[in-house]
Amino acid sequence: MTGLRLILRELFSMFVDDVSFSLAIVAWTAFLALVLLPAMTGAATAFIGVLFFLGCAAILMISTWRAASKTAKDATRQG
């Protein structure tokens, strides 16, 4: 059973490196799809695309900032 867990963990880590980043992207996509998209029609759907891009870009910047600050803290502790 532990061998199966190890295999599944490795398979998961092949596709997902940062779990919080992945969950944030999924949550943002689900929010837009379930809450905003049904209310939008016509030309307003372009707004959803812009909003989706801006949200994903913000999530990426926050994730990158968190990873960089973690790396800087680790380097400070070692040196």
PDB file of N, CA and C in Angstrom:
ATOM      1  N   MET A   1       0.810  -1.195   0.000  1.00  0.00           N
ATOM      2  CA  MET A   1       0.000   0.000   0.000  1.00  0.00           C
ATOM      3  C   MET A   1       0.859   1.266   0.000  1.00  0.00           C
ATOM      4  N   THR A   2       1.979   1.236   0.699  1.00  0.00           N
ATOM      5  CA  THR A   2       2.845   2.411   0.702  1.00  0.00           C
ATOM      6  C   THR A   2       3.484   2.624  -0.663  1.00  0.00           C
ATOM      7  N   GLY A   3       3.705   1.523  -1.383  1.00  0.00           N
ATOM      8  CA  GLY A   3       4.244   1.649  -2.731  1.00  0.00           C
ATOM      9  C   GLY A   3       3.260   2.352  -3.652  1.00  0.00           C
ATOM     10  N   LEU A   4       1.989   2.021  -3.508  1.00  0.00           N
ATOM     11  CA  LEU A   4       0.955   2.669  -4.308  1.00  0.00           C
ATOM     12  C   LEU A   4       0.862   4.158  -3.969  1.00  0.00           C
ATOM     13  N   ARG A   5       0.964   4.486  -2.694  1.00  0.00           N
ATOM     14  CA  ARG A   5       0.957   5.897  -2.283  1.00  0.00           C
ATOM     15  C   ARG A   5       2.134   6.651  -2.873  1.00  0.00           C
ATOM     16  N   LEU A   6       3.286   6.019  -2.865  1.00  0.00           N
ATOM     17  CA  LEU A   6       4.478   6.651  -3.423  1.00  0.00           C
ATOM     18  C   LEU A   6       4.297   6.910  -4.916  1.00  0.00           C
ATOM     19  N   ILE A   7       3.754   5.941  -5.616  1.00  0.00           N
ATOM     20  CA  ILE A   7       3.524   6.095  -7.053  1.00  0.00           C
ATOM     21  C   ILE A   7       2.529   7.215  -7.317  1.00  0.00           C
ATOM     22  N   LEU A   8       1.433   7.240  -6.564  1.00  0.00           N
ATOM     23  CA  LEU A   8       0.424   8.284  -6.750  1.00  0.00           C
ATOM     24  C   LEU A   8       0.972   9.664  -6.404  1.00  0.00           C
ATOM     25  N   ARG A   9       1.787   9.751  -5.361  1.00  0.00           N
ATOM     26  CA  ARG A   9       2.393  11.030  -4.985  1.00  0.00           C
ATOM     27  C   ARG A   9       3.327  11.527  -6.086  1.00  0.00           C
ATOM     28  N   GLU A  10       4.119  10.632  -6.644  1.00  0.00           N
ATOM     29  CA  GLU A  10       5.025  11.023  -7.727  1.00  0.00           C
ATOM     30  C   GLU A  10       4.245  11.441  -8.971  1.00  0.00           C
ATOM     31  N   LEU A  11       3.182  10.721  -9.278  1.00  0.00           N
ATOM     32  CA  LEU A  11       2.347  11.063 -10.426  1.00  0.00           C
ATOM     33  C   LEU A  11       1.713  12.433 -10.228  1.00  0.00           C
ATOM     34  N   PHE A  12       1.221  12.700  -9.028  1.00  0.00           N
ATOM     35  CA  PHE A  12       0.627  13.998  -8.712  1.00  0.00           C
ATOM     36  C   PHE A  12       1.667  15.107  -8.818  1.00  0.00           C
ATOM     37  N   SER A  13       2.868  14.864  -8.313  1.00  0.00           N
ATOM     38  CA  SER A  13       3.903  15.902  -8.334  1.00  0.00           C
ATOM     39  C   SER A  13       4.420  16.179  -9.744  1.00  0.00           C
ATOM     40  N   MET A  14       4.206  15.252 -10.671  1.00  0.00           N
ATOM     41  CA  MET A  14       4.592  15.506 -12.059  1.00  0.00           C
ATOM     42  C   MET A  14       3.750  16.628 -12.665  1.00  0.00           C
ATOM     43  N   PHE A  15       2.498  16.726 -12.248  1.00  0.00           N
ATOM     44  CA  PHE A  15       1.584  17.691 -12.843  1.00  0.00           C
ATOM     45  C   PHE A  15       1.342  18.915 -11.964  1.00  0.00           C
ATOM     46  N   VAL A  16       1.502  18.776 -10.665  1.00  0.00           N
ATOM     47  CA  VAL A  16       1.221  19.879  -9.747  1.00  0.00           C
ATOM     48  C   VAL A  16       2.452  20.112  -8.879  1.00  0.00           C
ATOM     49  N   ASP A  17       3.105  21.246  -9.106  1.00  0.00           N
ATOM     50  CA  ASP A  17       4.286  21.579  -8.309  1.00  0.00           C
ATOM     51  C   ASP A  17       3.890  22.405  -7.087  1.00  0.00           C
ATOM     52  N   ASP A  18       3.011  23.362  -7.285  1.00  0.00           N
ATOM     53  CA  ASP A  18       2.561  24.240  -6.205  1.00  0.00           C
ATOM     54  C   ASP A  18       1.055  24.050  -6.037  1.00  0.00           C
ATOM     55  N   VAL A  19       0.668  23.366  -4.990  1.00  0.00           N
ATOM     56  CA  VAL A  19      -0.740  23.021  -4.783  1.00  0.00           C
ATOM     57  C   VAL A  19      -1.588  24.271  -4.580  1.00  0.00           C
ATOM     58  N   SER A  20      -1.110  25.225  -3.811  1.00  0.00           N
ATOM     59  CA  SER A  20      -1.904  26.433  -3.566  1.00  0.00           C
ATOM     60  C   SER A  20      -2.119  27.228  -4.854  1.00  0.00           C
ATOM     61  N   PHE A  21      -1.123  27.267  -5.729  1.00  0.00           N
ATOM     62  CA  PHE A  21      -1.264  27.937  -7.021  1.00  0.00           C
ATOM     63  C   PHE A  21      -2.324  27.238  -7.867  1.00  0.00           C
ATOM     64  N   SER A  22      -2.257  25.914  -7.918  1.00  0.00           N
ATOM     65  CA  SER A  22      -3.222  25.150  -8.708  1.00  0.00           C
ATOM     66  C   SER A  22      -4.638  25.324  -8.182  1.00  0.00           C
ATOM     67  N   LEU A  23      -4.794  25.278  -6.869  1.00  0.00           N
ATOM     68  CA  LEU A  23      -6.124  25.454  -6.281  1.00  0.00           C
ATOM     69  C   LEU A  23      -6.662  26.864  -6.516  1.00  0.00           C
ATOM     70  N   ALA A  24      -5.798  27.851  -6.487  1.00  0.00           N
ATOM     71  CA  ALA A  24      -6.237  29.226  -6.739  1.00  0.00           C
ATOM     72  C   ALA A  24      -6.722  29.395  -8.174  1.00  0.00           C
ATOM     73  N   ILE A  25      -6.010  28.809  -9.129  1.00  0.00           N
ATOM     74  CA  ILE A  25      -6.426  28.886 -10.532  1.00  0.00           C
ATOM     75  C   ILE A  25      -7.761  28.175 -10.730  1.00  0.00           C
ATOM     76  N   VAL A  26      -7.905  26.990 -10.143  1.00  0.00           N
ATOM     77  CA  VAL A  26      -9.168  26.249 -10.263  1.00  0.00           C
ATOM     78  C   VAL A  26     -10.309  27.025  -9.612  1.00  0.00           C
ATOM     79  N   ALA A  27     -10.069  27.601  -8.444  1.00  0.00           N
ATOM     80  CA  ALA A  27     -11.107  28.369  -7.755  1.00  0.00           C
ATOM     81  C   ALA A  27     -11.507  29.607  -8.556  1.00  0.00           C
ATOM     82  N   TRP A  28     -10.533  30.304  -9.133  1.00  0.00           N
ATOM     83  CA  TRP A  28     -10.824  31.496  -9.923  1.00  0.00           C
ATOM     84  C   TRP A  28     -11.636  31.135 -11.162  1.00  0.00           C
ATOM     85  N   THR A  29     -11.239  30.061 -11.835  1.00  0.00           N
ATOM     86  CA  THR A  29     -11.962  29.607 -13.019  1.00  0.00           C
ATOM     87  C   THR A  29     -13.382  29.191 -12.663  1.00  0.00           C
ATOM     88  N   ALA A  30     -13.538  28.449 -11.578  1.00  0.00           N
ATOM     89  CA  ALA A  30     -14.871  28.011 -11.152  1.00  0.00           C
ATOM     90  C   ALA A  30     -15.738  29.206 -10.770  1.00  0.00           C
ATOM     91  N   PHE A  31     -15.153  30.181 -10.090  1.00  0.00           N
ATOM     92  CA  PHE A  31     -15.910  31.380  -9.717  1.00  0.00           C
ATOM     93  C   PHE A  31     -16.446  32.088 -10.949  1.00  0.00           C
ATOM     94  N   LEU A  32     -15.575  32.301 -11.931  1.00  0.00           N
ATOM     95  CA  LEU A  32     -16.018  32.986 -13.142  1.00  0.00           C
ATOM     96  C   LEU A  32     -17.060  32.173 -13.892  1.00  0.00           C
ATOM     97  N   ALA A  33     -16.862  30.869 -13.972  1.00  0.00           N
ATOM     98  CA  ALA A  33     -17.781  30.021 -14.727  1.00  0.00           C
ATOM     99  C   ALA A  33     -19.141  29.901 -14.050  1.00  0.00           C
ATOM    100  N   LEU A  34     -19.157  29.814 -12.741  1.00  0.00           N
ATOM    101  CA  LEU A  34     -20.416  29.579 -12.034  1.00  0.00           C
ATOM    102  C   LEU A  34     -21.156  30.858 -11.652  1.00  0.00           C
ATOM    103  N   VAL A  35     -20.439  31.921 -11.378  1.00  0.00           N
ATOM    104  CA  VAL A  35     -21.092  33.135 -10.879  1.00  0.00           C
ATOM    105  C   VAL A  35     -21.258  34.191 -11.968  1.00  0.00           C
ATOM    106  N   LEU A  36     -20.186  34.520 -12.651  1.00  0.00           N
ATOM    107  CA  LEU A  36     -20.255  35.634 -13.589  1.00  0.00           C
ATOM    108  C   LEU A  36     -20.692  35.247 -14.997  1.00  0.00           C
ATOM    109  N   LEU A  37     -20.245  34.127 -15.497  1.00  0.00           N
ATOM    110  CA  LEU A  37     -20.525  33.757 -16.881  1.00  0.00           C
ATOM    111  C   LEU A  37     -22.011  33.611 -17.187  1.00  0.00           C
ATOM    112  N   PRO A  38     -22.819  32.971 -16.342  1.00  0.00           N
ATOM    113  CA  PRO A  38     -24.249  32.883 -16.663  1.00  0.00           C
ATOM    114  C   PRO A  38     -24.946  34.244 -16.713  1.00  0.00           C
ATOM    115  N   ALA A  39     -24.449  35.221 -16.002  1.00  0.00           N
ATOM    116  CA  ALA A  39     -25.078  36.539 -15.982  1.00  0.00           C
ATOM    117  C   ALA A  39     -24.679  37.396 -17.181  1.00  0.00           C
ATOM    118  N   MET A  40     -23.637  37.027 -17.882  1.00  0.00           N
ATOM    119  CA  MET A  40     -23.134  37.824 -18.990  1.00  0.00           C
ATOM    120  C   MET A  40     -23.656  37.297 -20.320  1.00  0.00           C
ATOM    121  N   THR A  41     -23.980  38.220 -21.221  1.00  0.00           N
ATOM    122  CA  THR A  41     -24.394  37.841 -22.570  1.00  0.00           C
ATOM    123  C   THR A  41     -23.839  38.855 -23.556  1.00  0.00           C
ATOM    124  N   GLY A  42     -23.744  38.449 -24.794  1.00  0.00           N
ATOM    125  CA  GLY A  42     -23.341  39.354 -25.859  1.00  0.00           C
ATOM    126  C   GLY A  42     -21.921  39.856 -25.738  1.00  0.00           C
ATOM    127  N   ALA A  43     -21.759  41.153 -25.937  1.00  0.00           N
ATOM    128  CA  ALA A  43     -20.434  41.776 -25.946  1.00  0.00           C
ATOM    129  C   ALA A  43     -19.793  41.768 -24.564  1.00  0.00           C
ATOM    130  N   ALA A  44     -20.583  41.587 -23.523  1.00  0.00           N
ATOM    131  CA  ALA A  44     -20.034  41.590 -22.167  1.00  0.00           C
ATOM    132  C   ALA A  44     -19.180  40.361 -21.891  1.00  0.00           C
ATOM    133  N   THR A  45     -19.265  39.344 -22.751  1.00  0.00           N
ATOM    134  CA  THR A  45     -18.457  38.145 -22.527  1.00  0.00           C
ATOM    135  C   THR A  45     -16.969  38.424 -22.720  1.00  0.00           C
ATOM    136  N   ALA A  46     -16.634  39.443 -23.498  1.00  0.00           N
ATOM    137  CA  ALA A  46     -15.226  39.822 -23.641  1.00  0.00           C
ATOM    138  C   ALA A  46     -14.675  40.301 -22.304  1.00  0.00           C
ATOM    139  N   PHE A  47     -15.527  40.898 -21.501  1.00  0.00           N
ATOM    140  CA  PHE A  47     -15.135  41.338 -20.169  1.00  0.00           C
ATOM    141  C   PHE A  47     -14.705  40.149 -19.320  1.00  0.00           C
ATOM    142  N   ILE A  48     -15.383  39.011 -19.476  1.00  0.00           N
ATOM    143  CA  ILE A  48     -15.024  37.794 -18.737  1.00  0.00           C
ATOM    144  C   ILE A  48     -13.607  37.361 -19.110  1.00  0.00           C
ATOM    145  N   GLY A  49     -13.269  37.434 -20.394  1.00  0.00           N
ATOM    146  CA  GLY A  49     -11.931  37.058 -20.835  1.00  0.00           C
ATOM    147  C   GLY A  49     -10.855  37.936 -20.223  1.00  0.00           C
ATOM    148  N   VAL A  50     -11.101  39.229 -20.204  1.00  0.00           N
ATOM    149  CA  VAL A  50     -10.153  40.171 -19.605  1.00  0.00           C
ATOM    150  C   VAL A  50     -10.039  39.921 -18.107  1.00  0.00           C
ATOM    151  N   LEU A  51     -11.180  39.713 -17.456  1.00  0.00           N
ATOM    152  CA  LEU A  51     -11.188  39.449 -16.022  1.00  0.00           C
ATOM    153  C   LEU A  51     -10.466  38.142 -15.697  1.00  0.00           C
ATOM    154  N   PHE A  52     -10.669  37.120 -16.539  1.00  0.00           N
ATOM    155  CA  PHE A  52      -9.987  35.838 -16.350  1.00  0.00           C
ATOM    156  C   PHE A  52      -8.476  36.017 -16.445  1.00  0.00           C
ATOM    157  N   PHE A  53      -8.029  36.745 -17.467  1.00  0.00           N
ATOM    158  CA  PHE A  53      -6.600  36.982 -17.642  1.00  0.00           C
ATOM    159  C   PHE A  53      -6.010  37.747 -16.467  1.00  0.00           C
ATOM    160  N   LEU A  54      -6.674  38.811 -16.054  1.00  0.00           N
ATOM    161  CA  LEU A  54      -6.153  39.617 -14.949  1.00  0.00           C
ATOM    162  C   LEU A  54      -6.096  38.823 -13.649  1.00  0.00           C
ATOM    163  N   GLY A  55      -7.105  37.997 -13.411  1.00  0.00           N
ATOM    164  CA  GLY A  55      -7.098  37.161 -12.209  1.00  0.00           C
ATOM    165  C   GLY A  55      -5.973  36.145 -12.229  1.00  0.00           C
ATOM    166  N   CYS A  56      -5.795  35.486 -13.375  1.00  0.00           N
ATOM    167  CA  CYS A  56      -4.708  34.499 -13.490  1.00  0.00           C
ATOM    168  C   CYS A  56      -3.341  35.167 -13.368  1.00  0.00           C
ATOM    169  N   ALA A  57      -3.198  36.355 -13.960  1.00  0.00           N
ATOM    170  CA  ALA A  57      -1.928  37.080 -13.848  1.00  0.00           C
ATOM    171  C   ALA A  57      -1.655  37.473 -12.400  1.00  0.00           C
ATOM    172  N   ALA A  58      -2.690  37.906 -11.685  1.00  0.00           N
ATOM    173  CA  ALA A  58      -2.513  38.271 -10.276  1.00  0.00           C
ATOM    174  C   ALA A  58      -2.141  37.054  -9.441  1.00  0.00           C
ATOM    175  N   ILE A  59      -2.786  35.930  -9.697  1.00  0.00           N
ATOM    176  CA  ILE A  59      -2.464  34.697  -8.970  1.00  0.00           C
ATOM    177  C   ILE A  59      -1.024  34.281  -9.249  1.00  0.00           C
ATOM    178  N   LEU A  60      -0.593  34.391 -10.503  1.00  0.00           N
ATOM    179  CA  LEU A  60       0.782  34.046 -10.861  1.00  0.00           C
ATOM    180  C   LEU A  60       1.786  34.972 -10.172  1.00  0.00           C
ATOM    181  N   MET A  61       1.497  36.269 -10.145  1.00  0.00           N
ATOM    182  CA  MET A  61       2.415  37.207  -9.488  1.00  0.00           C
ATOM    183  C   MET A  61       2.504  36.938  -7.986  1.00  0.00           C
ATOM    184  N   ILE A  62       1.381  36.671  -7.356  1.00  0.00           N
ATOM    185  CA  ILE A  62       1.385  36.383  -5.914  1.00  0.00           C
ATOM    186  C   ILE A  62       2.153  35.101  -5.628  1.00  0.00           C
ATOM    187  N   SER A  63       1.934  34.079  -6.454  1.00  0.00           N
ATOM    188  CA  SER A  63       2.625  32.806  -6.264  1.00  0.00           C
ATOM    189  C   SER A  63       4.131  32.967  -6.456  1.00  0.00           C
ATOM    190  N   THR A  64       4.522  33.734  -7.459  1.00  0.00           N
ATOM    191  CA  THR A  64       5.941  33.980  -7.710  1.00  0.00           C
ATOM    192  C   THR A  64       6.567  34.766  -6.569  1.00  0.00           C
ATOM    193  N   TRP A  65       5.866  35.778  -6.070  1.00  0.00           N
ATOM    194  CA  TRP A  65       6.359  36.570  -4.947  1.00  0.00           C
ATOM    195  C   TRP A  65       6.541  35.706  -3.709  1.00  0.00           C
ATOM    196  N   ARG A  66       5.577  34.827  -3.432  1.00  0.00           N
ATOM    197  CA  ARG A  66       5.684  33.943  -2.269  1.00  0.00           C
ATOM    198  C   ARG A  66       6.866  32.989  -2.408  1.00  0.00           C
ATOM    199  N   ALA A  67       7.058  32.430  -3.605  1.00  0.00           N
ATOM    200  CA  ALA A  67       8.174  31.506  -3.815  1.00  0.00           C
ATOM    201  C   ALA A  67       9.512  32.228  -3.699  1.00  0.00           C
ATOM    202  N   ALA A  68       9.584  33.445  -4.232  1.00  0.00           N
ATOM    203  CA  ALA A  68      10.837  34.198  -4.158  1.00  0.00           C
ATOM    204  C   ALA A  68      11.164  34.590  -2.724  1.00  0.00           C
ATOM    205  N   SER A  69      10.164  34.987  -1.961  1.00  0.00           N
ATOM    206  CA  SER A  69      10.437  35.365  -0.572  1.00  0.00           C
ATOM    207  C   SER A  69      10.818  34.145   0.263  1.00  0.00           C
ATOM    208  N   LYS A  70      10.239  33.006  -0.054  1.00  0.00           N
ATOM    209  CA  LYS A  70      10.611  31.772   0.646  1.00  0.00           C
ATOM    210  C   LYS A  70      12.059  31.398   0.326  1.00  0.00           C
ATOM    211  N   THR A  71      12.455  31.526  -0.936  1.00  0.00           N
ATOM    212  CA  THR A  71      13.825  31.221  -1.339  1.00  0.00           C
ATOM    213  C   THR A  71      14.807  32.186  -0.678  1.00  0.00           C
ATOM    214  N   ALA A  72      14.435  33.455  -0.592  1.00  0.00           N
ATOM    215  CA  ALA A  72      15.311  34.440   0.050  1.00  0.00           C
ATOM    216  C   ALA A  72      15.476  34.141   1.535  1.00  0.00           C
ATOM    217  N   LYS A  73      14.408  33.736   2.196  1.00  0.00           N
ATOM    218  CA  LYS A  73      14.495  33.386   3.616  1.00  0.00           C
ATOM    219  C   LYS A  73      15.382  32.165   3.820  1.00  0.00           C
ATOM    220  N   ASP A  74      15.240  31.170   2.941  1.00  0.00           N
ATOM    221  CA  ASP A  74      16.065  29.968   3.049  1.00  0.00           C
ATOM    222  C   ASP A  74      17.538  30.290   2.828  1.00  0.00           C
ATOM    223  N   ALA A  75      17.834  31.177   1.875  1.00  0.00           N
ATOM    224  CA  ALA A  75      19.223  31.557   1.605  1.00  0.00           C
ATOM    225  C   ALA A  75      19.810  32.327   2.783  1.00  0.00           C
ATOM    226  N   THR A  76      19.003  33.153   3.427  1.00  0.00           N
ATOM    227  CA  THR A  76      19.471  33.914   4.585  1.00  0.00           C
ATOM    228  C   THR A  76      19.787  32.990   5.751  1.00  0.00           C
ATOM    229  N   ARG A  77      18.965  31.996   5.949  1.00  0.00           N
ATOM    230  CA  ARG A  77      19.186  31.055   7.050  1.00  0.00           C
ATOM    231  C   ARG A  77      20.440  30.216   6.837  1.00  0.00           C
ATOM    232  N   GLN A  78      20.736  29.863   5.579  1.00  0.00           N
ATOM    233  CA  GLN A  78      21.897  29.025   5.295  1.00  0.00           C
ATOM    234  C   GLN A  78      23.190  29.827   5.363  1.00  0.00           C
ATOM    235  N   GLY A  79      23.137  31.067   4.964  1.00  0.00           N
ATOM    236  CA  GLY A  79      24.358  31.860   4.867  1.00  0.00           C
ATOM    237  C   GLY A  79      24.583  32.680   6.043  1.00  0.00           C
TER     238      GLY A  79
END
